[in-house]
Amino acid sequence: MAEHDGLADEADIRGGLARLPADTRLVVIDGAVHSFFGRYGPQAGDGVPTVPRAAAEAQITGELVAFFDGLG
């Protein structure tokens, strides 16, 4: 989840965790906005980032690597 996401509703995201395995971990990407999870550009209504895209992508990548490392 992006810290400054202006599009995805935080309550919906947190509510959706109940449908996932009990050990599911929600990670908030510091300073990020919704559009940092893709390459489609800024979205109307999204928040204002407080970190560069590269910093957010590094955190996202690190979390994904840790997740996939934990599978094996």
PDB file of N, CA and C in Angstrom:
ATOM      1  N   MET A   1       0.851  -1.157   0.000  1.00  0.00           N
ATOM      2  CA  MET A   1       0.000   0.000   0.000  1.00  0.00           C
ATOM      3  C   MET A   1       0.908   1.235   0.000  1.00  0.00           C
ATOM      4  N   ALA A   2       0.538   2.244  -0.746  1.00  0.00           N
ATOM      5  CA  ALA A   2       1.308   3.482  -0.797  1.00  0.00           C
ATOM      6  C   ALA A   2       0.870   4.417   0.330  1.00  0.00           C
ATOM      7  N   GLU A   3       1.836   4.998   1.001  1.00  0.00           N
ATOM      8  CA  GLU A   3       1.539   5.890   2.125  1.00  0.00           C
ATOM      9  C   GLU A   3       0.608   7.033   1.719  1.00  0.00           C
ATOM     10  N   HIS A   4       0.800   7.587   0.521  1.00  0.00           N
ATOM     11  CA  HIS A   4       0.008   8.745   0.081  1.00  0.00           C
ATOM     12  C   HIS A   4      -0.923   8.392  -1.074  1.00  0.00           C
ATOM     13  N   ASP A   5      -1.414   7.160  -1.080  1.00  0.00           N
ATOM     14  CA  ASP A   5      -2.317   6.702  -2.139  1.00  0.00           C
ATOM     15  C   ASP A   5      -3.641   7.441  -2.037  1.00  0.00           C
ATOM     16  N   GLY A   6      -3.994   8.146  -3.082  1.00  0.00           N
ATOM     17  CA  GLY A   6      -5.252   8.868  -3.093  1.00  0.00           C
ATOM     18  C   GLY A   6      -6.343   8.139  -3.843  1.00  0.00           C
ATOM     19  N   LEU A   7      -6.068   6.936  -4.326  1.00  0.00           N
ATOM     20  CA  LEU A   7      -7.033   6.209  -5.140  1.00  0.00           C
ATOM     21  C   LEU A   7      -7.554   4.940  -4.472  1.00  0.00           C
ATOM     22  N   ALA A   8      -6.679   4.109  -3.963  1.00  0.00           N
ATOM     23  CA  ALA A   8      -7.104   2.882  -3.302  1.00  0.00           C
ATOM     24  C   ALA A   8      -7.520   3.230  -1.875  1.00  0.00           C
ATOM     25  N   ASP A   9      -8.710   2.816  -1.495  1.00  0.00           N
ATOM     26  CA  ASP A   9      -9.237   3.125  -0.175  1.00  0.00           C
ATOM     27  C   ASP A   9      -8.558   2.269   0.894  1.00  0.00           C
ATOM     28  N   GLU A  10      -7.941   2.921   1.871  1.00  0.00           N
ATOM     29  CA  GLU A  10      -7.195   2.186   2.896  1.00  0.00           C
ATOM     30  C   GLU A  10      -8.083   1.210   3.656  1.00  0.00           C
ATOM     31  N   ALA A  11      -9.315   1.600   3.954  1.00  0.00           N
ATOM     32  CA  ALA A  11     -10.224   0.701   4.674  1.00  0.00           C
ATOM     33  C   ALA A  11     -10.527  -0.543   3.844  1.00  0.00           C
ATOM     34  N   ASP A  12     -10.680  -0.369   2.540  1.00  0.00           N
ATOM     35  CA  ASP A  12     -10.921  -1.524   1.655  1.00  0.00           C
ATOM     36  C   ASP A  12      -9.709  -2.447   1.630  1.00  0.00           C
ATOM     37  N   ILE A  13      -8.531  -1.849   1.563  1.00  0.00           N
ATOM     38  CA  ILE A  13      -7.301  -2.653   1.538  1.00  0.00           C
ATOM     39  C   ILE A  13      -7.181  -3.442   2.838  1.00  0.00           C
ATOM     40  N   ARG A  14      -7.313  -2.761   3.954  1.00  0.00           N
ATOM     41  CA  ARG A  14      -7.189  -3.438   5.248  1.00  0.00           C
ATOM     42  C   ARG A  14      -8.313  -4.466   5.430  1.00  0.00           C
ATOM     43  N   GLY A  15      -9.507  -4.147   4.975  1.00  0.00           N
ATOM     44  CA  GLY A  15     -10.625  -5.089   5.075  1.00  0.00           C
ATOM     45  C   GLY A  15     -10.396  -6.336   4.240  1.00  0.00           C
ATOM     46  N   GLY A  16      -9.720  -6.179   3.116  1.00  0.00           N
ATOM     47  CA  GLY A  16      -9.430  -7.314   2.245  1.00  0.00           C
ATOM     48  C   GLY A  16      -8.436  -8.292   2.839  1.00  0.00           C
ATOM     49  N   LEU A  17      -7.678  -7.866   3.832  1.00  0.00           N
ATOM     50  CA  LEU A  17      -6.711  -8.760   4.466  1.00  0.00           C
ATOM     51  C   LEU A  17      -7.393  -9.964   5.099  1.00  0.00           C
ATOM     52  N   ALA A  18      -8.635  -9.808   5.503  1.00  0.00           N
ATOM     53  CA  ALA A  18      -9.373 -10.913   6.131  1.00  0.00           C
ATOM     54  C   ALA A  18      -9.583 -12.073   5.159  1.00  0.00           C
ATOM     55  N   ARG A  19      -9.506 -11.815   3.872  1.00  0.00           N
ATOM     56  CA  ARG A  19      -9.695 -12.864   2.863  1.00  0.00           C
ATOM     57  C   ARG A  19      -8.388 -13.539   2.464  1.00  0.00           C
ATOM     58  N   LEU A  20      -7.295 -13.114   3.062  1.00  0.00           N
ATOM     59  CA  LEU A  20      -5.974 -13.657   2.738  1.00  0.00           C
ATOM     60  C   LEU A  20      -5.484 -14.542   3.881  1.00  0.00           C
ATOM     61  N   PRO A  21      -4.441 -15.334   3.645  1.00  0.00           N
ATOM     62  CA  PRO A  21      -3.908 -16.173   4.726  1.00  0.00           C
ATOM     63  C   PRO A  21      -3.557 -15.344   5.972  1.00  0.00           C
ATOM     64  N   ALA A  22      -3.671 -15.974   7.127  1.00  0.00           N
ATOM     65  CA  ALA A  22      -3.486 -15.281   8.411  1.00  0.00           C
ATOM     66  C   ALA A  22      -2.097 -14.653   8.557  1.00  0.00           C
ATOM     67  N   ASP A  23      -1.098 -15.222   7.883  1.00  0.00           N
ATOM     68  CA  ASP A  23       0.256 -14.677   8.013  1.00  0.00           C
ATOM     69  C   ASP A  23       0.573 -13.600   6.981  1.00  0.00           C
ATOM     70  N   THR A  24      -0.456 -13.149   6.264  1.00  0.00           N
ATOM     71  CA  THR A  24      -0.261 -12.079   5.278  1.00  0.00           C
ATOM     72  C   THR A  24       0.173 -10.804   5.990  1.00  0.00           C
ATOM     73  N   ARG A  25       1.143 -10.137   5.403  1.00  0.00           N
ATOM     74  CA  ARG A  25       1.701  -8.918   5.986  1.00  0.00           C
ATOM     75  C   ARG A  25       1.436  -7.753   5.048  1.00  0.00           C
ATOM     76  N   LEU A  26       0.841  -6.701   5.550  1.00  0.00           N
ATOM     77  CA  LEU A  26       0.614  -5.485   4.781  1.00  0.00           C
ATOM     78  C   LEU A  26       1.830  -4.583   4.942  1.00  0.00           C
ATOM     79  N   VAL A  27       2.377  -4.142   3.818  1.00  0.00           N
ATOM     80  CA  VAL A  27       3.534  -3.251   3.833  1.00  0.00           C
ATOM     81  C   VAL A  27       3.105  -1.906   3.258  1.00  0.00           C
ATOM     82  N   VAL A  28       3.396  -0.852   3.982  1.00  0.00           N
ATOM     83  CA  VAL A  28       3.131   0.506   3.504  1.00  0.00           C
ATOM     84  C   VAL A  28       4.436   1.039   2.933  1.00  0.00           C
ATOM     85  N   ILE A  29       4.395   1.438   1.673  1.00  0.00           N
ATOM     86  CA  ILE A  29       5.577   1.973   1.008  1.00  0.00           C
ATOM     87  C   ILE A  29       5.682   3.463   1.347  1.00  0.00           C
ATOM     88  N   ASP A  30       6.698   3.781   2.133  1.00  0.00           N
ATOM     89  CA  ASP A  30       6.890   5.137   2.651  1.00  0.00           C
ATOM     90  C   ASP A  30       6.953   6.181   1.534  1.00  0.00           C
ATOM     91  N   GLY A  31       6.126   7.205   1.666  1.00  0.00           N
ATOM     92  CA  GLY A  31       6.172   8.345   0.762  1.00  0.00           C
ATOM     93  C   GLY A  31       5.621   8.109  -0.633  1.00  0.00           C
ATOM     94  N   ALA A  32       5.170   6.886  -0.912  1.00  0.00           N
ATOM     95  CA  ALA A  32       4.733   6.529  -2.268  1.00  0.00           C
ATOM     96  C   ALA A  32       3.287   6.931  -2.535  1.00  0.00           C
ATOM     97  N   VAL A  33       2.945   6.944  -3.821  1.00  0.00           N
ATOM     98  CA  VAL A  33       1.575   7.174  -4.277  1.00  0.00           C
ATOM     99  C   VAL A  33       1.149   5.984  -5.146  1.00  0.00           C
ATOM    100  N   HIS A  34      -0.120   5.938  -5.461  1.00  0.00           N
ATOM    101  CA  HIS A  34      -0.698   4.838  -6.224  1.00  0.00           C
ATOM    102  C   HIS A  34       0.058   4.556  -7.521  1.00  0.00           C
ATOM    103  N   SER A  35       0.388   5.605  -8.240  1.00  0.00           N
ATOM    104  CA  SER A  35       1.001   5.420  -9.561  1.00  0.00           C
ATOM    105  C   SER A  35       2.409   4.844  -9.508  1.00  0.00           C
ATOM    106  N   PHE A  36       3.023   4.795  -8.325  1.00  0.00           N
ATOM    107  CA  PHE A  36       4.362   4.216  -8.218  1.00  0.00           C
ATOM    108  C   PHE A  36       4.348   2.691  -8.339  1.00  0.00           C
ATOM    109  N   PHE A  37       3.167   2.083  -8.329  1.00  0.00           N
ATOM    110  CA  PHE A  37       3.069   0.626  -8.467  1.00  0.00           C
ATOM    111  C   PHE A  37       2.960   0.206  -9.931  1.00  0.00           C
ATOM    112  N   GLY A  38       3.018   1.156 -10.840  1.00  0.00           N
ATOM    113  CA  GLY A  38       2.958   0.860 -12.266  1.00  0.00           C
ATOM    114  C   GLY A  38       3.709   1.925 -13.037  1.00  0.00           C
ATOM    115  N   ARG A  39       3.648   1.839 -14.334  1.00  0.00           N
ATOM    116  CA  ARG A  39       4.328   2.816 -15.202  1.00  0.00           C
ATOM    117  C   ARG A  39       3.328   3.529 -16.105  1.00  0.00           C
ATOM    118  N   TYR A  40       2.158   3.834 -15.558  1.00  0.00           N
ATOM    119  CA  TYR A  40       1.112   4.467 -16.347  1.00  0.00           C
ATOM    120  C   TYR A  40       1.004   5.959 -16.086  1.00  0.00           C
ATOM    121  N   GLY A  41       1.882   6.513 -15.263  1.00  0.00           N
ATOM    122  CA  GLY A  41       1.901   7.954 -15.022  1.00  0.00           C
ATOM    123  C   GLY A  41       0.971   8.380 -13.908  1.00  0.00           C
ATOM    124  N   PRO A  42       0.966   9.662 -13.622  1.00  0.00           N
ATOM    125  CA  PRO A  42       0.133  10.196 -12.539  1.00  0.00           C
ATOM    126  C   PRO A  42      -1.353   9.926 -12.778  1.00  0.00           C
ATOM    127  N   GLN A  43      -2.069   9.727 -11.693  1.00  0.00           N
ATOM    128  CA  GLN A  43      -3.502   9.473 -11.755  1.00  0.00           C
ATOM    129  C   GLN A  43      -4.239  10.624 -11.072  1.00  0.00           C
ATOM    130  N   ALA A  44      -5.299  11.111 -11.702  1.00  0.00           N
ATOM    131  CA  ALA A  44      -6.097  12.173 -11.103  1.00  0.00           C
ATOM    132  C   ALA A  44      -6.625  11.705  -9.746  1.00  0.00           C
ATOM    133  N   GLY A  45      -6.453  12.539  -8.730  1.00  0.00           N
ATOM    134  CA  GLY A  45      -6.943  12.209  -7.396  1.00  0.00           C
ATOM    135  C   GLY A  45      -5.931  11.489  -6.524  1.00  0.00           C
ATOM    136  N   ASP A  46      -4.791  11.099  -7.096  1.00  0.00           N
ATOM    137  CA  ASP A  46      -3.764  10.429  -6.315  1.00  0.00           C
ATOM    138  C   ASP A  46      -3.095  11.451  -5.398  1.00  0.00           C
ATOM    139  N   GLY A  47      -2.382  10.963  -4.414  1.00  0.00           N
ATOM    140  CA  GLY A  47      -1.694  11.843  -3.472  1.00  0.00           C
ATOM    141  C   GLY A  47      -0.441  12.456  -4.071  1.00  0.00           C
ATOM    142  N   VAL A  48       0.300  13.134  -3.224  1.00  0.00           N
ATOM    143  CA  VAL A  48       1.553  13.770  -3.617  1.00  0.00           C
ATOM    144  C   VAL A  48       2.690  12.966  -2.986  1.00  0.00           C
ATOM    145  N   PRO A  49       3.609  12.449  -3.800  1.00  0.00           N
ATOM    146  CA  PRO A  49       4.695  11.658  -3.234  1.00  0.00           C
ATOM    147  C   PRO A  49       5.657  12.522  -2.428  1.00  0.00           C
ATOM    148  N   THR A  50       6.253  11.899  -1.422  1.00  0.00           N
ATOM    149  CA  THR A  50       7.255  12.596  -0.619  1.00  0.00           C
ATOM    150  C   THR A  50       8.621  11.921  -0.740  1.00  0.00           C
ATOM    151  N   VAL A  51       8.708  10.962  -1.665  1.00  0.00           N
ATOM    152  CA  VAL A  51       9.979  10.301  -1.992  1.00  0.00           C
ATOM    153  C   VAL A  51      10.065  10.200  -3.507  1.00  0.00           C
ATOM    154  N   PRO A  52      11.264  10.103  -4.044  1.00  0.00           N
ATOM    155  CA  PRO A  52      11.391   9.876  -5.488  1.00  0.00           C
ATOM    156  C   PRO A  52      10.864   8.489  -5.850  1.00  0.00           C
ATOM    157  N   ARG A  53      10.390   8.355  -7.076  1.00  0.00           N
ATOM    158  CA  ARG A  53       9.890   7.069  -7.563  1.00  0.00           C
ATOM    159  C   ARG A  53      10.929   5.971  -7.349  1.00  0.00           C
ATOM    160  N   ALA A  54      12.191   6.260  -7.617  1.00  0.00           N
ATOM    161  CA  ALA A  54      13.239   5.247  -7.486  1.00  0.00           C
ATOM    162  C   ALA A  54      13.347   4.717  -6.055  1.00  0.00           C
ATOM    163  N   ALA A  55      13.169   5.584  -5.072  1.00  0.00           N
ATOM    164  CA  ALA A  55      13.233   5.139  -3.675  1.00  0.00           C
ATOM    165  C   ALA A  55      12.059   4.221  -3.344  1.00  0.00           C
ATOM    166  N   ALA A  56      10.872   4.582  -3.821  1.00  0.00           N
ATOM    167  CA  ALA A  56       9.698   3.738  -3.592  1.00  0.00           C
ATOM    168  C   ALA A  56       9.859   2.396  -4.303  1.00  0.00           C
ATOM    169  N   GLU A  57      10.345   2.428  -5.532  1.00  0.00           N
ATOM    170  CA  GLU A  57      10.544   1.184  -6.278  1.00  0.00           C
ATOM    171  C   GLU A  57      11.583   0.295  -5.607  1.00  0.00           C
ATOM    172  N   ALA A  58      12.594   0.890  -5.003  1.00  0.00           N
ATOM    173  CA  ALA A  58      13.598   0.104  -4.280  1.00  0.00           C
ATOM    174  C   ALA A  58      12.957  -0.592  -3.083  1.00  0.00           C
ATOM    175  N   GLN A  59      12.075   0.103  -2.376  1.00  0.00           N
ATOM    176  CA  GLN A  59      11.399  -0.512  -1.236  1.00  0.00           C
ATOM    177  C   GLN A  59      10.450  -1.614  -1.715  1.00  0.00           C
ATOM    178  N   ILE A  60       9.705  -1.359  -2.791  1.00  0.00           N
ATOM    179  CA  ILE A  60       8.800  -2.372  -3.341  1.00  0.00           C
ATOM    180  C   ILE A  60       9.591  -3.605  -3.766  1.00  0.00           C
ATOM    181  N   THR A  61      10.680  -3.401  -4.482  1.00  0.00           N
ATOM    182  CA  THR A  61      11.515  -4.509  -4.951  1.00  0.00           C
ATOM    183  C   THR A  61      12.083  -5.295  -3.779  1.00  0.00           C
ATOM    184  N   GLY A  62      12.555  -4.595  -2.770  1.00  0.00           N
ATOM    185  CA  GLY A  62      13.093  -5.266  -1.595  1.00  0.00           C
ATOM    186  C   GLY A  62      12.059  -6.137  -0.907  1.00  0.00           C
ATOM    187  N   GLU A  63      10.843  -5.642  -0.797  1.00  0.00           N
ATOM    188  CA  GLU A  63       9.765  -6.424  -0.181  1.00  0.00           C
ATOM    189  C   GLU A  63       9.413  -7.643  -1.029  1.00  0.00           C
ATOM    190  N   LEU A  64       9.409  -7.480  -2.349  1.00  0.00           N
ATOM    191  CA  LEU A  64       9.108  -8.613  -3.222  1.00  0.00           C
ATOM    192  C   LEU A  64      10.207  -9.677  -3.151  1.00  0.00           C
ATOM    193  N   VAL A  65      11.448  -9.252  -3.135  1.00  0.00           N
ATOM    194  CA  VAL A  65      12.568 -10.196  -3.025  1.00  0.00           C
ATOM    195  C   VAL A  65      12.464 -10.970  -1.709  1.00  0.00           C
ATOM    196  N   ALA A  66      12.194 -10.261  -0.622  1.00  0.00           N
ATOM    197  CA  ALA A  66      12.062 -10.926   0.694  1.00  0.00           C
ATOM    198  C   ALA A  66      10.912 -11.931   0.670  1.00  0.00           C
ATOM    199  N   PHE A  67       9.803 -11.560   0.036  1.00  0.00           N
ATOM    200  CA  PHE A  67       8.646 -12.461  -0.056  1.00  0.00           C
ATOM    201  C   PHE A  67       9.023 -13.730  -0.833  1.00  0.00           C
ATOM    202  N   PHE A  68       9.612 -13.544  -2.008  1.00  0.00           N
ATOM    203  CA  PHE A  68       9.946 -14.705  -2.834  1.00  0.00           C
ATOM    204  C   PHE A  68      11.055 -15.551  -2.201  1.00  0.00           C
ATOM    205  N   ASP A  69      11.996 -14.933  -1.521  1.00  0.00           N
ATOM    206  CA  ASP A  69      13.024 -15.683  -0.808  1.00  0.00           C
ATOM    207  C   ASP A  69      12.402 -16.553   0.279  1.00  0.00           C
ATOM    208  N   GLY A  70      11.341 -16.063   0.890  1.00  0.00           N
ATOM    209  CA  GLY A  70      10.662 -16.804   1.946  1.00  0.00           C
ATOM    210  C   GLY A  70       9.869 -17.995   1.454  1.00  0.00           C
ATOM    211  N   LEU A  71       9.633 -18.072   0.161  1.00  0.00           N
ATOM    212  CA  LEU A  71       8.867 -19.192  -0.403  1.00  0.00           C
ATOM    213  C   LEU A  71       9.716 -20.445  -0.582  1.00  0.00           C
ATOM    214  N   GLY A  72      11.032 -20.255  -0.724  1.00  0.00           N
ATOM    215  CA  GLY A  72      11.881 -21.383  -1.058  1.00  0.00           C
ATOM    216  C   GLY A  72      12.567 -21.893   0.113  1.00  0.00           C
TER     217      GLY A  72
END
